[in-house]
Amino acid sequence: MALKQLDVRGEICPYPMMKTVQALKKLSPADQGLEVITDHAPALETIPTQAARLGYQATIEETGSPEWRITLTRS
């Protein structure tokens, strides 16, 4: 029951958001959520917005320059 991971580094919009939505829809009820790793700053707005529509809360952590971890968990 850990977080699934999705690495979308090197991808530009709209692909990080699209791949995140696909991954969220595939999560089982036992999965806690999804951890998305991105180096594309616009994804910091698009991914949390789309995840919220699916019932997920987002937390963003800067892990590099530029690199972020977006943790999406069920609300």
Protein backbone atom coordinates (compact mmCIF):
# COMPACT_ATOMS: atom_id res chain seq x y z
CA MET A 1 0.00 0.00 0.00
CA ALA A 2 2.73 2.45 -0.96
CA LEU A 3 2.56 5.36 -3.33
CA LYS A 4 2.91 4.50 -7.01
CA GLN A 5 5.56 6.50 -8.88
CA LEU A 6 5.41 8.24 -12.23
CA ASP A 7 8.52 9.86 -13.73
CA VAL A 8 7.67 12.44 -16.39
CA ARG A 9 11.03 14.25 -16.46
CA GLY A 10 11.85 15.48 -19.94
CA GLU A 11 8.15 15.67 -20.90
CA ILE A 12 6.47 18.98 -21.73
CA CYS A 13 2.80 20.00 -21.53
CA PRO A 14 0.34 18.52 -21.94
CA TYR A 15 2.02 15.11 -21.52
CA PRO A 16 2.92 15.21 -17.78
CA MET A 17 -0.68 16.07 -16.90
CA MET A 18 -2.16 13.54 -19.35
CA LYS A 19 0.07 10.71 -18.10
CA THR A 20 -0.72 11.63 -14.48
CA VAL A 21 -4.49 11.51 -15.09
CA GLN A 22 -4.12 8.11 -16.80
CA ALA A 23 -2.06 6.79 -13.87
CA LEU A 24 -4.55 8.12 -11.28
CA LYS A 25 -7.43 6.41 -13.06
CA LYS A 26 -5.52 3.09 -12.95
CA LEU A 27 -4.88 3.21 -9.18
CA SER A 28 -6.57 0.51 -7.16
CA PRO A 29 -8.52 1.33 -3.98
CA ALA A 30 -5.59 -0.14 -1.99
CA ASP A 31 -3.10 2.35 -3.47
CA GLN A 32 -2.43 5.39 -1.27
CA GLY A 33 -1.82 7.72 -4.19
CA LEU A 34 0.71 8.75 -6.80
CA GLU A 35 4.09 10.44 -6.66
CA VAL A 36 4.93 12.36 -9.84
CA ILE A 37 8.47 13.52 -10.59
CA THR A 38 8.72 16.37 -13.10
CA ASP A 39 11.18 18.97 -14.33
CA HIS A 40 8.53 20.98 -16.21
CA ALA A 41 7.35 23.96 -14.11
CA PRO A 42 3.92 24.40 -15.82
CA ALA A 43 3.03 20.89 -14.59
CA LEU A 44 3.02 22.30 -11.05
CA GLU A 45 -0.27 24.02 -11.92
CA THR A 46 -1.86 21.59 -14.39
CA ILE A 47 -1.31 18.35 -12.46
CA PRO A 48 -2.77 19.49 -9.08
CA THR A 49 -5.76 21.08 -10.87
CA GLN A 50 -6.63 17.90 -12.77
CA ALA A 51 -5.93 15.68 -9.75
CA ALA A 52 -8.34 17.76 -7.62
CA ARG A 53 -11.09 17.10 -10.18
CA LEU A 54 -10.51 13.39 -9.58
CA GLY A 55 -10.61 13.77 -5.78
CA TYR A 56 -6.91 14.00 -4.98
CA GLN A 57 -4.97 16.50 -2.89
CA ALA A 58 -1.51 17.62 -4.03
CA THR A 59 1.64 18.53 -2.16
CA ILE A 60 4.65 19.83 -4.06
CA GLU A 61 8.26 19.47 -2.96
CA GLU A 62 11.25 20.91 -4.83
CA THR A 63 13.87 18.16 -5.13
CA GLY A 64 16.33 19.71 -7.59
CA SER A 65 16.86 22.62 -9.89
CA PRO A 66 14.53 22.34 -11.69
CA GLU A 67 12.85 19.20 -10.38
CA TRP A 68 9.78 18.62 -8.24
CA ARG A 69 7.91 15.78 -6.57
CA ILE A 70 4.14 16.14 -6.66
CA THR A 71 2.47 13.80 -4.18
CA LEU A 72 -1.19 13.11 -4.93
CA THR A 73 -3.31 11.45 -2.24
CA ARG A 74 -7.03 10.76 -2.03
CA SER A 75 -8.99 13.56 -0.37
